[in-house]
Amino acid sequence: MLIGEVARRSGVSARMLRHYESLGLVRPSGRTGSGYREYSEEDIRRIFHVESLRSLGLTLREIGRALDDPGFVPSALVGDLIRQTHERIAAETELLTRLRRIDAAGPAGWEDVLQVVALLQALGSKSPDARQRAALSSVDEIPVPVEALVEAALSETEPNVAGAIRWALARSGGGGPALLAKGLGSPVAAVRERAVQSLAEMPGGEAAALLREALTHSDAVVRGYAALALGTRGAADAVPTLIDMIAVGRNDTDAADALSVLAADGTATADRIAAGLVDRLAHDTGEAPARGRLTQALAGIPGPTASRALVELSHDEDRAVALTATYLLRLRDVR
């Protein structure tokens, strides 16, 4: 079969067939009387083998080795191809993500595009100072897409930088809370903590609703941050979690402060909080440190229920609890 016919049947151009011949990949078995290349059926099968291996990403040199080396073991080469393909896909995915974020920023011209690229690169910098400057400048300059800020917030380990990113995220507009909610489902505890800390600083009803859902999260740290944030926002449904935090000694001072804020809402709310603390005191009869913390928490709760509870606790069998209650009663009398 002559080269033109082979090209038509195989889909490989005559020019490429000549290139294969120059490399020694496919040599026509014969020549016609006029000197034209003539390919046998075996030659054509080899052409298809070459094309099949090319489709897997092998170079022509690797193809030649694979076809001609009797000792060639394909598994190692296939393993390399898999690794290279994964790397290529990762690089392409990263490029696609970057392009989408640039598009989301709505640049008006190439100058804006370059500013967005610079900010995105700075957010991924190894320098904490560069990351912090990028987060702070993202509010006043071309805004960084919220997806990039959320990604940075969930991965940042430097406290000062993380605070700057959360600040920028709270001013980034819509979309942030829903993306952060996905972080609450992360299998990594640190990511869950960063997600709820970021949600705690987000304004608006969507963030508040997600924080309320987080009160039932399986992670006690997530529940705690959610309760503290909701407490400062005046959400009474955070009270049970705040009382739990005081009892177990996890951010108990902050939890007591949050209860004080909630108790300032009125006598009815203050009495409900005091009743919750008293109920927990009754159940934690054998936990001296917990009872001490719960007693101290009554200091910030106004109203008759808290006062009566302190009077009773001033006669408690636990001397430390009794002394604490007595001292708190004196403070209330002074006020």
C-alpha atoms as a PDB file:
ATOM      1  CA  MET A   1       0.000   0.000   0.000  1.00  0.00           C
ATOM      2  CA  LEU A   2       1.434   3.362  -0.999  1.00  0.00           C
ATOM      3  CA  ILE A   3       1.896   6.242   1.441  1.00  0.00           C
ATOM      4  CA  GLY A   4      -1.113   8.226   0.163  1.00  0.00           C
ATOM      5  CA  GLU A   5      -3.481   5.312   0.694  1.00  0.00           C
ATOM      6  CA  VAL A   6      -1.994   4.574   4.122  1.00  0.00           C
ATOM      7  CA  ALA A   7      -2.510   8.207   5.099  1.00  0.00           C
ATOM      8  CA  ARG A   8      -6.162   8.099   4.037  1.00  0.00           C
ATOM      9  CA  ARG A   9      -6.896   4.848   5.867  1.00  0.00           C
ATOM     10  CA  SER A  10      -4.972   5.553   9.058  1.00  0.00           C
ATOM     11  CA  GLY A  11      -5.694   9.253   9.445  1.00  0.00           C
ATOM     12  CA  VAL A  12      -1.955   9.901   9.810  1.00  0.00           C
ATOM     13  CA  SER A  13      -0.657  12.492   7.375  1.00  0.00           C
ATOM     14  CA  ALA A  14       1.966  11.562   4.795  1.00  0.00           C
ATOM     15  CA  ARG A  15       4.251  14.143   6.373  1.00  0.00           C
ATOM     16  CA  MET A  16       3.934  12.474   9.784  1.00  0.00           C
ATOM     17  CA  LEU A  17       4.536   9.044   8.250  1.00  0.00           C
ATOM     18  CA  ARG A  18       7.778  10.347   6.751  1.00  0.00           C
ATOM     19  CA  HIS A  19       8.682  11.755  10.188  1.00  0.00           C
ATOM     20  CA  TYR A  20       8.042   8.347  11.769  1.00  0.00           C
ATOM     21  CA  GLU A  21      10.304   6.817   9.154  1.00  0.00           C
ATOM     22  CA  SER A  22      13.094   9.333   9.878  1.00  0.00           C
ATOM     23  CA  LEU A  23      12.938   8.386  13.554  1.00  0.00           C
ATOM     24  CA  GLY A  24      12.889   4.675  12.813  1.00  0.00           C
ATOM     25  CA  LEU A  25       9.441   4.215  14.306  1.00  0.00           C
ATOM     26  CA  VAL A  26       7.744   2.875  11.164  1.00  0.00           C
ATOM     27  CA  ARG A  27       9.798   1.937   8.133  1.00  0.00           C
ATOM     28  CA  PRO A  28       7.957   0.802   4.999  1.00  0.00           C
ATOM     29  CA  SER A  29       8.859  -2.799   4.240  1.00  0.00           C
ATOM     30  CA  GLY A  30       9.453  -2.212   0.539  1.00  0.00           C
ATOM     31  CA  ARG A  31       9.618   0.068  -2.430  1.00  0.00           C
ATOM     32  CA  THR A  32       7.855  -0.067  -5.757  1.00  0.00           C
ATOM     33  CA  GLY A  33       9.783  -0.306  -9.018  1.00  0.00           C
ATOM     34  CA  SER A  34       9.489   3.480  -9.238  1.00  0.00           C
ATOM     35  CA  GLY A  35      10.953   3.906  -5.745  1.00  0.00           C
ATOM     36  CA  TYR A  36       7.734   4.784  -3.914  1.00  0.00           C
ATOM     37  CA  ARG A  37       7.296   3.650  -0.311  1.00  0.00           C
ATOM     38  CA  GLU A  38       5.195   0.540   0.055  1.00  0.00           C
ATOM     39  CA  TYR A  39       3.678  -0.422   3.411  1.00  0.00           C
ATOM     40  CA  SER A  40       2.770  -3.994   4.372  1.00  0.00           C
ATOM     41  CA  GLU A  41      -0.100  -5.008   6.643  1.00  0.00           C
ATOM     42  CA  GLU A  42       2.433  -5.387   9.487  1.00  0.00           C
ATOM     43  CA  ASP A  43       3.669  -1.838   8.856  1.00  0.00           C
ATOM     44  CA  ILE A  44       0.116  -0.517   9.060  1.00  0.00           C
ATOM     45  CA  ARG A  45      -0.494  -2.389  12.330  1.00  0.00           C
ATOM     46  CA  ARG A  46       2.641  -0.738  13.724  1.00  0.00           C
ATOM     47  CA  ILE A  47       1.333   2.668  12.662  1.00  0.00           C
ATOM     48  CA  PHE A  48      -1.853   2.042  14.627  1.00  0.00           C
ATOM     49  CA  HIS A  49       0.224   0.884  17.613  1.00  0.00           C
ATOM     50  CA  VAL A  50       2.207   4.124  17.465  1.00  0.00           C
ATOM     51  CA  GLU A  51      -0.966   6.207  17.337  1.00  0.00           C
ATOM     52  CA  SER A  52      -2.517   4.266  20.212  1.00  0.00           C
ATOM     53  CA  LEU A  53       0.515   4.891  22.433  1.00  0.00           C
ATOM     54  CA  ARG A  54       0.589   8.563  21.418  1.00  0.00           C
ATOM     55  CA  SER A  55      -3.004   8.865  22.624  1.00  0.00           C
ATOM     56  CA  LEU A  56      -1.786   7.834  26.095  1.00  0.00           C
ATOM     57  CA  GLY A  57       0.661  10.710  26.183  1.00  0.00           C
ATOM     58  CA  LEU A  58       3.874   8.849  25.394  1.00  0.00           C
ATOM     59  CA  THR A  59       6.601  10.693  23.543  1.00  0.00           C
ATOM     60  CA  LEU A  60       7.821   9.282  20.217  1.00  0.00           C
ATOM     61  CA  ARG A  61      11.051   8.228  21.885  1.00  0.00           C
ATOM     62  CA  GLU A  62       9.125   6.340  24.581  1.00  0.00           C
ATOM     63  CA  ILE A  63       6.959   4.733  21.888  1.00  0.00           C
ATOM     64  CA  GLY A  64      10.010   3.510  20.029  1.00  0.00           C
ATOM     65  CA  ARG A  65      11.398   1.978  23.189  1.00  0.00           C
ATOM     66  CA  ALA A  66       8.064   0.382  24.060  1.00  0.00           C
ATOM     67  CA  LEU A  67       7.736  -1.243  20.633  1.00  0.00           C
ATOM     68  CA  ASP A  68      11.338  -2.312  20.078  1.00  0.00           C
ATOM     69  CA  ASP A  69      12.763  -3.182  23.501  1.00  0.00           C
ATOM     70  CA  PRO A  70      11.938  -6.835  24.363  1.00  0.00           C
ATOM     71  CA  GLY A  71      12.675  -6.193  28.018  1.00  0.00           C
ATOM     72  CA  PHE A  72      10.428  -3.139  28.273  1.00  0.00           C
ATOM     73  CA  VAL A  73       8.091  -3.226  31.307  1.00  0.00           C
ATOM     74  CA  PRO A  74       5.063  -0.991  30.718  1.00  0.00           C
ATOM     75  CA  SER A  75       3.918  -0.710  34.347  1.00  0.00           C
ATOM     76  CA  ALA A  76       6.601   1.825  35.343  1.00  0.00           C
ATOM     77  CA  LEU A  77       5.896   4.003  32.316  1.00  0.00           C
ATOM     78  CA  VAL A  78       2.155   3.838  32.853  1.00  0.00           C
ATOM     79  CA  GLY A  79       2.702   4.824  36.491  1.00  0.00           C
ATOM     80  CA  ASP A  80       4.715   7.847  35.370  1.00  0.00           C
ATOM     81  CA  LEU A  81       1.981   8.784  32.914  1.00  0.00           C
ATOM     82  CA  ILE A  82      -0.641   8.613  35.659  1.00  0.00           C
ATOM     83  CA  ARG A  83       1.457  10.872  37.900  1.00  0.00           C
ATOM     84  CA  GLN A  84       2.100  13.354  35.108  1.00  0.00           C
ATOM     85  CA  THR A  85      -1.585  13.408  34.205  1.00  0.00           C
ATOM     86  CA  HIS A  86      -2.567  14.107  37.811  1.00  0.00           C
ATOM     87  CA  GLU A  87      -0.064  16.972  37.921  1.00  0.00           C
ATOM     88  CA  ARG A  88      -1.361  18.371  34.643  1.00  0.00           C
ATOM     89  CA  ILE A  89      -4.977  18.163  35.805  1.00  0.00           C
ATOM     90  CA  ALA A  90      -4.068  19.879  39.092  1.00  0.00           C
ATOM     91  CA  ALA A  91      -2.303  22.669  37.228  1.00  0.00           C
ATOM     92  CA  GLU A  92      -5.222  23.124  34.825  1.00  0.00           C
ATOM     93  CA  THR A  93      -7.710  23.101  37.717  1.00  0.00           C
ATOM     94  CA  GLU A  94      -5.686  25.749  39.525  1.00  0.00           C
ATOM     95  CA  LEU A  95      -5.606  27.869  36.366  1.00  0.00           C
ATOM     96  CA  LEU A  96      -9.372  27.464  35.892  1.00  0.00           C
ATOM     97  CA  THR A  97      -9.999  28.488  39.513  1.00  0.00           C
ATOM     98  CA  ARG A  98      -7.789  31.551  39.104  1.00  0.00           C
ATOM     99  CA  LEU A  99      -9.571  32.576  35.898  1.00  0.00           C
ATOM    100  CA  ARG A 100     -12.995  32.171  37.505  1.00  0.00           C
ATOM    101  CA  ARG A 101     -11.944  34.326  40.436  1.00  0.00           C
ATOM    102  CA  ILE A 102     -10.634  37.026  38.148  1.00  0.00           C
ATOM    103  CA  ASP A 103     -13.915  36.917  36.217  1.00  0.00           C
ATOM    104  CA  ALA A 104     -15.909  37.103  39.475  1.00  0.00           C
ATOM    105  CA  ALA A 105     -14.089  40.324  40.396  1.00  0.00           C
ATOM    106  CA  GLY A 106     -15.606  41.956  37.302  1.00  0.00           C
ATOM    107  CA  PRO A 107     -12.460  43.740  36.078  1.00  0.00           C
ATOM    108  CA  ALA A 108     -13.107  46.698  33.806  1.00  0.00           C
ATOM    109  CA  GLY A 109      -9.741  46.508  32.061  1.00  0.00           C
ATOM    110  CA  TRP A 110      -6.349  44.832  32.018  1.00  0.00           C
ATOM    111  CA  GLU A 111      -5.123  47.027  34.856  1.00  0.00           C
ATOM    112  CA  ASP A 112      -7.889  45.654  37.052  1.00  0.00           C
ATOM    113  CA  VAL A 113      -7.047  42.110  35.948  1.00  0.00           C
ATOM    114  CA  LEU A 114      -3.413  42.614  36.941  1.00  0.00           C
ATOM    115  CA  GLN A 115      -4.454  44.003  40.335  1.00  0.00           C
ATOM    116  CA  VAL A 116      -6.665  40.994  41.020  1.00  0.00           C
ATOM    117  CA  VAL A 117      -3.871  38.619  39.981  1.00  0.00           C
ATOM    118  CA  ALA A 118      -1.431  40.435  42.268  1.00  0.00           C
ATOM    119  CA  LEU A 119      -3.840  40.238  45.221  1.00  0.00           C
ATOM    120  CA  LEU A 120      -4.524  36.557  44.641  1.00  0.00           C
ATOM    121  CA  GLN A 121      -0.810  35.834  44.454  1.00  0.00           C
ATOM    122  CA  ALA A 122      -0.193  37.822  47.644  1.00  0.00           C
ATOM    123  CA  LEU A 123      -2.922  35.869  49.477  1.00  0.00           C
ATOM    124  CA  GLY A 124      -1.037  32.684  48.595  1.00  0.00           C
ATOM    125  CA  SER A 125       2.368  34.108  49.504  1.00  0.00           C
ATOM    126  CA  LYS A 126       4.668  32.367  51.987  1.00  0.00           C
ATOM    127  CA  SER A 127       5.094  35.701  53.750  1.00  0.00           C
ATOM    128  CA  PRO A 128       2.521  36.370  56.519  1.00  0.00           C
ATOM    129  CA  ASP A 129       3.022  40.120  56.066  1.00  0.00           C
ATOM    130  CA  ALA A 130       2.229  39.867  52.356  1.00  0.00           C
ATOM    131  CA  ARG A 131      -0.911  37.838  53.054  1.00  0.00           C
ATOM    132  CA  GLN A 132      -2.053  40.314  55.688  1.00  0.00           C
ATOM    133  CA  ARG A 133      -1.483  43.323  53.415  1.00  0.00           C
ATOM    134  CA  ALA A 134      -3.391  41.583  50.628  1.00  0.00           C
ATOM    135  CA  ALA A 135      -6.367  40.922  52.898  1.00  0.00           C
ATOM    136  CA  LEU A 136      -6.475  44.492  54.189  1.00  0.00           C
ATOM    137  CA  SER A 137      -6.067  46.063  50.749  1.00  0.00           C
ATOM    138  CA  SER A 138      -8.737  43.848  49.198  1.00  0.00           C
ATOM    139  CA  VAL A 139     -11.459  46.023  50.708  1.00  0.00           C
ATOM    140  CA  ASP A 140     -10.260  49.385  49.375  1.00  0.00           C
ATOM    141  CA  GLU A 141      -8.819  48.282  46.029  1.00  0.00           C
ATOM    142  CA  ILE A 142     -10.162  45.807  43.466  1.00  0.00           C
ATOM    143  CA  PRO A 143     -12.155  43.364  45.623  1.00  0.00           C
ATOM    144  CA  VAL A 144     -10.817  39.834  45.953  1.00  0.00           C
ATOM    145  CA  PRO A 145     -13.459  37.229  45.016  1.00  0.00           C
ATOM    146  CA  VAL A 146     -15.176  35.847  48.094  1.00  0.00           C
ATOM    147  CA  GLU A 147     -14.161  32.265  47.174  1.00  0.00           C
ATOM    148  CA  ALA A 148     -10.496  33.237  47.472  1.00  0.00           C
ATOM    149  CA  LEU A 149     -11.041  34.919  50.830  1.00  0.00           C
ATOM    150  CA  VAL A 150     -12.924  31.892  52.187  1.00  0.00           C
ATOM    151  CA  GLU A 151     -10.174  29.558  50.992  1.00  0.00           C
ATOM    152  CA  ALA A 152      -7.600  31.784  52.687  1.00  0.00           C
ATOM    153  CA  ALA A 153      -9.651  31.994  55.893  1.00  0.00           C
ATOM    154  CA  LEU A 154      -9.972  28.211  56.137  1.00  0.00           C
ATOM    155  CA  SER A 155      -6.254  27.600  55.599  1.00  0.00           C
ATOM    156  CA  GLU A 156      -4.566  30.496  57.427  1.00  0.00           C
ATOM    157  CA  THR A 157      -2.584  29.506  60.546  1.00  0.00           C
ATOM    158  CA  GLU A 158      -1.117  32.884  61.555  1.00  0.00           C
ATOM    159  CA  PRO A 159      -3.526  34.540  64.045  1.00  0.00           C
ATOM    160  CA  ASN A 160      -2.920  38.138  62.907  1.00  0.00           C
ATOM    161  CA  VAL A 161      -3.274  37.252  59.245  1.00  0.00           C
ATOM    162  CA  ALA A 162      -6.376  35.170  59.966  1.00  0.00           C
ATOM    163  CA  GLY A 163      -7.951  38.140  61.734  1.00  0.00           C
ATOM    164  CA  ALA A 164      -7.268  40.402  58.755  1.00  0.00           C
ATOM    165  CA  ILE A 165      -8.766  37.860  56.354  1.00  0.00           C
ATOM    166  CA  ARG A 166     -11.896  37.473  58.495  1.00  0.00           C
ATOM    167  CA  TRP A 167     -12.209  41.269  58.604  1.00  0.00           C
ATOM    168  CA  ALA A 168     -12.013  41.445  54.807  1.00  0.00           C
ATOM    169  CA  LEU A 169     -14.415  38.533  54.433  1.00  0.00           C
ATOM    170  CA  ALA A 170     -17.011  40.234  56.634  1.00  0.00           C
ATOM    171  CA  ARG A 171     -16.940  43.180  54.209  1.00  0.00           C
ATOM    172  CA  SER A 172     -16.884  41.151  51.006  1.00  0.00           C
ATOM    173  CA  GLY A 173     -20.613  41.058  50.314  1.00  0.00           C
ATOM    174  CA  GLY A 174     -22.739  37.965  49.686  1.00  0.00           C
ATOM    175  CA  GLY A 175     -21.745  34.358  49.257  1.00  0.00           C
ATOM    176  CA  GLY A 176     -19.357  34.063  52.173  1.00  0.00           C
ATOM    177  CA  PRO A 177     -21.595  32.344  54.763  1.00  0.00           C
ATOM    178  CA  ALA A 178     -22.668  29.531  52.422  1.00  0.00           C
ATOM    179  CA  LEU A 179     -19.049  28.789  51.496  1.00  0.00           C
ATOM    180  CA  LEU A 180     -17.960  28.883  55.140  1.00  0.00           C
ATOM    181  CA  ALA A 181     -20.757  26.470  56.044  1.00  0.00           C
ATOM    182  CA  LYS A 182     -19.016  23.849  53.905  1.00  0.00           C
ATOM    183  CA  GLY A 183     -15.951  24.296  56.097  1.00  0.00           C
ATOM    184  CA  LEU A 184     -18.023  23.298  59.134  1.00  0.00           C
ATOM    185  CA  GLY A 185     -18.322  19.842  57.583  1.00  0.00           C
ATOM    186  CA  SER A 186     -14.566  19.415  57.115  1.00  0.00           C
ATOM    187  CA  PRO A 187     -12.978  16.294  58.645  1.00  0.00           C
ATOM    188  CA  VAL A 188     -10.149  18.554  59.891  1.00  0.00           C
ATOM    189  CA  ALA A 189     -10.877  20.110  63.286  1.00  0.00           C
ATOM    190  CA  ALA A 190      -8.742  23.196  62.626  1.00  0.00           C
ATOM    191  CA  VAL A 191     -10.674  23.947  59.423  1.00  0.00           C
ATOM    192  CA  ARG A 192     -14.004  23.628  61.271  1.00  0.00           C
ATOM    193  CA  GLU A 193     -12.742  26.039  63.927  1.00  0.00           C
ATOM    194  CA  ARG A 194     -11.618  28.590  61.337  1.00  0.00           C
ATOM    195  CA  ALA A 195     -14.962  28.285  59.559  1.00  0.00           C
ATOM    196  CA  VAL A 196     -17.038  29.008  62.645  1.00  0.00           C
ATOM    197  CA  GLN A 197     -14.708  31.842  63.724  1.00  0.00           C
ATOM    198  CA  SER A 198     -15.191  33.450  60.330  1.00  0.00           C
ATOM    199  CA  LEU A 199     -18.963  32.969  60.471  1.00  0.00           C
ATOM    200  CA  ALA A 200     -18.985  34.574  63.922  1.00  0.00           C
ATOM    201  CA  GLU A 201     -17.656  37.801  62.378  1.00  0.00           C
ATOM    202  CA  MET A 202     -19.997  37.785  59.376  1.00  0.00           C
ATOM    203  CA  PRO A 203     -22.948  40.177  59.587  1.00  0.00           C
ATOM    204  CA  GLY A 204     -26.480  39.413  58.499  1.00  0.00           C
ATOM    205  CA  GLY A 205     -29.222  36.893  58.994  1.00  0.00           C
ATOM    206  CA  GLU A 206     -27.673  34.143  56.863  1.00  0.00           C
ATOM    207  CA  ALA A 207     -24.605  33.931  59.088  1.00  0.00           C
ATOM    208  CA  ALA A 208     -26.757  34.041  62.232  1.00  0.00           C
ATOM    209  CA  ALA A 209     -28.906  31.168  60.939  1.00  0.00           C
ATOM    210  CA  LEU A 210     -25.824  29.068  60.230  1.00  0.00           C
ATOM    211  CA  LEU A 211     -24.477  29.818  63.708  1.00  0.00           C
ATOM    212  CA  ARG A 212     -27.769  28.622  65.191  1.00  0.00           C
ATOM    213  CA  GLU A 213     -27.420  25.375  63.236  1.00  0.00           C
ATOM    214  CA  ALA A 214     -23.866  25.081  64.552  1.00  0.00           C
ATOM    215  CA  LEU A 215     -25.206  24.960  68.130  1.00  0.00           C
ATOM    216  CA  THR A 216     -26.023  21.280  67.478  1.00  0.00           C
ATOM    217  CA  HIS A 217     -22.712  20.477  65.782  1.00  0.00           C
ATOM    218  CA  SER A 218     -20.886  17.367  66.958  1.00  0.00           C
ATOM    219  CA  ASP A 219     -17.710  19.405  67.535  1.00  0.00           C
ATOM    220  CA  ALA A 220     -17.807  21.106  70.956  1.00  0.00           C
ATOM    221  CA  VAL A 221     -15.400  23.804  69.757  1.00  0.00           C
ATOM    222  CA  VAL A 222     -17.742  24.718  66.912  1.00  0.00           C
ATOM    223  CA  ARG A 223     -20.699  24.804  69.285  1.00  0.00           C
ATOM    224  CA  GLY A 224     -18.760  27.048  71.640  1.00  0.00           C
ATOM    225  CA  TYR A 225     -17.763  29.656  69.075  1.00  0.00           C
ATOM    226  CA  ALA A 226     -21.303  29.678  67.696  1.00  0.00           C
ATOM    227  CA  ALA A 227     -22.790  30.201  71.138  1.00  0.00           C
ATOM    228  CA  LEU A 228     -20.403  33.041  71.994  1.00  0.00           C
ATOM    229  CA  ALA A 229     -21.189  34.820  68.729  1.00  0.00           C
ATOM    230  CA  LEU A 230     -24.925  34.387  69.136  1.00  0.00           C
ATOM    231  CA  GLY A 231     -24.778  35.461  72.768  1.00  0.00           C
ATOM    232  CA  THR A 232     -23.237  38.790  71.841  1.00  0.00           C
ATOM    233  CA  ARG A 233     -25.993  39.174  69.226  1.00  0.00           C
ATOM    234  CA  GLY A 234     -28.676  38.678  71.837  1.00  0.00           C
ATOM    235  CA  ALA A 235     -29.799  35.206  70.723  1.00  0.00           C
ATOM    236  CA  ALA A 236     -31.244  33.436  73.756  1.00  0.00           C
ATOM    237  CA  ASP A 237     -31.044  29.992  72.134  1.00  0.00           C
ATOM    238  CA  ALA A 238     -27.286  30.092  72.843  1.00  0.00           C
ATOM    239  CA  VAL A 239     -27.882  29.948  76.634  1.00  0.00           C
ATOM    240  CA  PRO A 240     -27.767  26.132  77.119  1.00  0.00           C
ATOM    241  CA  THR A 241     -24.478  25.854  75.236  1.00  0.00           C
ATOM    242  CA  LEU A 242     -22.996  28.794  77.157  1.00  0.00           C
ATOM    243  CA  ILE A 243     -23.926  27.154  80.461  1.00  0.00           C
ATOM    244  CA  ASP A 244     -22.338  23.891  79.284  1.00  0.00           C
ATOM    245  CA  MET A 245     -19.138  25.786  78.459  1.00  0.00           C
ATOM    246  CA  ILE A 246     -19.014  27.256  81.956  1.00  0.00           C
ATOM    247  CA  ALA A 247     -19.589  23.857  83.554  1.00  0.00           C
ATOM    248  CA  VAL A 248     -16.823  22.100  81.616  1.00  0.00           C
ATOM    249  CA  GLY A 249     -14.408  25.049  81.833  1.00  0.00           C
ATOM    250  CA  ARG A 250     -14.090  25.733  78.100  1.00  0.00           C
ATOM    251  CA  ASN A 251     -13.892  29.490  77.456  1.00  0.00           C
ATOM    252  CA  ASP A 252     -15.948  29.790  80.630  1.00  0.00           C
ATOM    253  CA  THR A 253     -15.092  33.455  81.239  1.00  0.00           C
ATOM    254  CA  ASP A 254     -16.203  34.452  77.749  1.00  0.00           C
ATOM    255  CA  ALA A 255     -19.323  32.317  78.134  1.00  0.00           C
ATOM    256  CA  ALA A 256     -20.195  34.040  81.428  1.00  0.00           C
ATOM    257  CA  ASP A 257     -19.716  37.447  79.793  1.00  0.00           C
ATOM    258  CA  ALA A 258     -22.045  36.404  76.962  1.00  0.00           C
ATOM    259  CA  LEU A 259     -24.688  35.354  79.489  1.00  0.00           C
ATOM    260  CA  SER A 260     -24.372  38.762  81.158  1.00  0.00           C
ATOM    261  CA  VAL A 261     -25.008  40.453  77.825  1.00  0.00           C
ATOM    262  CA  LEU A 262     -28.095  38.313  77.265  1.00  0.00           C
ATOM    263  CA  ALA A 263     -29.330  38.896  80.827  1.00  0.00           C
ATOM    264  CA  ALA A 264     -29.335  42.642  80.225  1.00  0.00           C
ATOM    265  CA  ASP A 265     -32.285  42.116  77.863  1.00  0.00           C
ATOM    266  CA  GLY A 266     -34.724  42.186  80.782  1.00  0.00           C
ATOM    267  CA  THR A 267     -35.768  40.552  84.030  1.00  0.00           C
ATOM    268  CA  ALA A 268     -37.528  37.628  82.357  1.00  0.00           C
ATOM    269  CA  THR A 269     -34.456  36.691  80.332  1.00  0.00           C
ATOM    270  CA  ALA A 270     -32.173  37.155  83.345  1.00  0.00           C
ATOM    271  CA  ASP A 271     -34.389  34.881  85.451  1.00  0.00           C
ATOM    272  CA  ARG A 272     -34.375  32.175  82.771  1.00  0.00           C
ATOM    273  CA  ILE A 273     -30.583  32.292  82.605  1.00  0.00           C
ATOM    274  CA  ALA A 274     -30.292  32.178  86.408  1.00  0.00           C
ATOM    275  CA  ALA A 275     -32.688  29.220  86.508  1.00  0.00           C
ATOM    276  CA  GLY A 276     -30.524  27.407  83.951  1.00  0.00           C
ATOM    277  CA  LEU A 277     -27.384  27.994  86.015  1.00  0.00           C
ATOM    278  CA  VAL A 278     -29.139  26.822  89.189  1.00  0.00           C
ATOM    279  CA  ASP A 279     -30.404  23.695  87.452  1.00  0.00           C
ATOM    280  CA  ARG A 280     -26.896  22.875  86.272  1.00  0.00           C
ATOM    281  CA  LEU A 281     -25.565  23.454  89.800  1.00  0.00           C
ATOM    282  CA  ALA A 282     -28.077  20.948  91.105  1.00  0.00           C
ATOM    283  CA  HIS A 283     -26.941  18.314  88.620  1.00  0.00           C
ATOM    284  CA  ASP A 284     -23.187  18.886  89.044  1.00  0.00           C
ATOM    285  CA  THR A 285     -23.209  18.116  92.758  1.00  0.00           C
ATOM    286  CA  GLY A 286     -19.930  16.211  92.712  1.00  0.00           C
ATOM    287  CA  GLU A 287     -17.999  18.570  90.455  1.00  0.00           C
ATOM    288  CA  ALA A 288     -16.452  21.221  92.741  1.00  0.00           C
ATOM    289  CA  PRO A 289     -14.621  23.241  90.031  1.00  0.00           C
ATOM    290  CA  ALA A 290     -17.728  23.234  87.824  1.00  0.00           C
ATOM    291  CA  ARG A 291     -19.961  24.370  90.688  1.00  0.00           C
ATOM    292  CA  GLY A 292     -17.515  27.152  91.488  1.00  0.00           C
ATOM    293  CA  ARG A 293     -17.581  28.431  87.907  1.00  0.00           C
ATOM    294  CA  LEU A 294     -21.358  28.237  87.724  1.00  0.00           C
ATOM    295  CA  THR A 295     -21.649  30.180  90.991  1.00  0.00           C
ATOM    296  CA  GLN A 296     -19.294  32.883  89.702  1.00  0.00           C
ATOM    297  CA  ALA A 297     -21.381  33.143  86.528  1.00  0.00           C
ATOM    298  CA  LEU A 298     -24.370  34.224  88.628  1.00  0.00           C
ATOM    299  CA  ALA A 299     -22.455  37.408  89.436  1.00  0.00           C
ATOM    300  CA  GLY A 300     -23.307  38.912  86.063  1.00  0.00           C
ATOM    301  CA  ILE A 301     -26.994  37.942  86.141  1.00  0.00           C
ATOM    302  CA  PRO A 302     -29.354  40.532  87.638  1.00  0.00           C
ATOM    303  CA  GLY A 303     -32.781  39.821  89.063  1.00  0.00           C
ATOM    304  CA  PRO A 304     -34.428  38.009  91.982  1.00  0.00           C
ATOM    305  CA  THR A 305     -33.804  34.450  90.787  1.00  0.00           C
ATOM    306  CA  ALA A 306     -30.026  34.920  90.745  1.00  0.00           C
ATOM    307  CA  SER A 307     -30.148  36.669  94.117  1.00  0.00           C
ATOM    308  CA  ARG A 308     -32.130  33.840  95.736  1.00  0.00           C
ATOM    309  CA  ALA A 309     -29.758  31.297  94.254  1.00  0.00           C
ATOM    310  CA  LEU A 310     -26.769  33.106  95.754  1.00  0.00           C
ATOM    311  CA  VAL A 311     -28.428  33.230  99.151  1.00  0.00           C
ATOM    312  CA  GLU A 312     -28.929  29.469  99.086  1.00  0.00           C
ATOM    313  CA  LEU A 313     -25.389  28.864  97.803  1.00  0.00           C
ATOM    314  CA  SER A 314     -23.942  30.975 100.616  1.00  0.00           C
ATOM    315  CA  HIS A 315     -24.865  28.023 102.862  1.00  0.00           C
ATOM    316  CA  ASP A 316     -23.556  25.362 100.482  1.00  0.00           C
ATOM    317  CA  GLU A 317     -21.651  22.390 101.874  1.00  0.00           C
ATOM    318  CA  ASP A 318     -18.782  23.242  99.529  1.00  0.00           C
ATOM    319  CA  ARG A 319     -16.931  25.970 101.427  1.00  0.00           C
ATOM    320  CA  ALA A 320     -15.443  27.496  98.270  1.00  0.00           C
ATOM    321  CA  VAL A 321     -18.905  27.784  96.697  1.00  0.00           C
ATOM    322  CA  ALA A 322     -20.353  29.241  99.912  1.00  0.00           C
ATOM    323  CA  LEU A 323     -17.597  31.866 100.226  1.00  0.00           C
ATOM    324  CA  THR A 324     -17.949  32.824  96.558  1.00  0.00           C
ATOM    325  CA  ALA A 325     -21.734  33.214  96.889  1.00  0.00           C
ATOM    326  CA  THR A 326     -21.360  35.282 100.061  1.00  0.00           C
ATOM    327  CA  TYR A 327     -18.860  37.594  98.390  1.00  0.00           C
ATOM    328  CA  LEU A 328     -21.105  38.026  95.353  1.00  0.00           C
ATOM    329  CA  LEU A 329     -24.084  38.854  97.578  1.00  0.00           C
ATOM    330  CA  ARG A 330     -22.063  41.600  99.251  1.00  0.00           C
ATOM    331  CA  LEU A 331     -21.229  43.045  95.853  1.00  0.00           C
ATOM    332  CA  ARG A 332     -24.918  43.035  94.920  1.00  0.00           C
ATOM    333  CA  ASP A 333     -25.767  44.857  98.190  1.00  0.00           C
ATOM    334  CA  VAL A 334     -23.163  47.521  97.441  1.00  0.00           C
ATOM    335  CA  ARG A 335     -24.693  48.084  94.034  1.00  0.00           C
END
